[in-house]
Structure formats: structure tokens, C-alpha cells
Amino acid sequence: MGKILKSSLLVSLKALKMSGIDIPDAIITATSLGCWENSEKILDNLTEPKPTLFMQSTHNTISSNTAIYLKCHGYNITYTQVGDALDRALRKAELLIKSGKAASVLVGLHEETTPRYRELMLKNGKDDLRPLYSLALVIKKKH
């Protein structure tokens, strides 16, 4: 399991514990880069296909990993718009709650970069990239 999958799961479990929710009705993840470390490994090893690396490189793997761990069979989606994903995820959570389709929604923002990626971005003037970033919160229906 890659770093971002571990980090996203740990942060999500902490947010759920703090909210008093065991299993949310929905899980919504926001990410721009997804599981970048595994994506990079796939590209480095194109001559030796590894299905597990591929399965753990797609953007929705982050949300799916949390759902599988929690045995959450509810709504589960990943937003991947660069710079806009978290806003869309929060808006969708709000809509799910207002429509009555969910009483609790786990929303996460999870990003990872690699040394190679950060080096390329630095050459292009972007120097504020963290190796790993995970944020999670639970939005609940008001009683």
C-alpha cells in the first residue's frame, strides 16, 4: 500500500472518530494528482506490467481504499479537477445532505508528489509542493 493510501486512510479514520461516525453514508475524495508514486512506478516499469501497481495508481483508489476498509457500500466518488476538486467535493457533500440521500459524508483532499515530480515543477517555477498532504472532514446533517 502506497504512502498516500496509508495517509488518506489514517486521516479519514481520525476525522470519523472525531465526528463520532463509524461508517459514513458517502465518501467523496478530491485529488489533483492521485496516487502519483504508483503512477510513476508504472511508467518506470513499462516493460514489466504489474497489475497491482496499476490498480493502486488510479485516482479513485484513494476513496475506494477507505470504503473497503470501512465496509462502506454507500455513495463513493472522486473529483480530480486541478485546483477545483475540493470545492466540487464539498458542494457534492452539501447536495447529498440537503437532498436527504446522506446524513454524513466523509470528504477528503489527498495529494502526493515524488522527488522527480517536485524537481520538474521546481524547474517550472512551482516550489511549494509537499511530498504528501491529506485532509479529511466529516459533514453531518443538522438535527
Foldseek 3Di string as FASTA:
>chain_A
DDPQLVVQLVQLCVQCVVVVHLEWQEEEEEEAQAQVVLVVVCVVPVVDDDVVSVCRRDRQNSQVSNCVVSVHPHYYYYAHDVPCRQVVRVVVQVVCLVVVVTFKYKYKYKYADDPVRQVVVVVVPDNPDDRIDMHIHMDGHDD
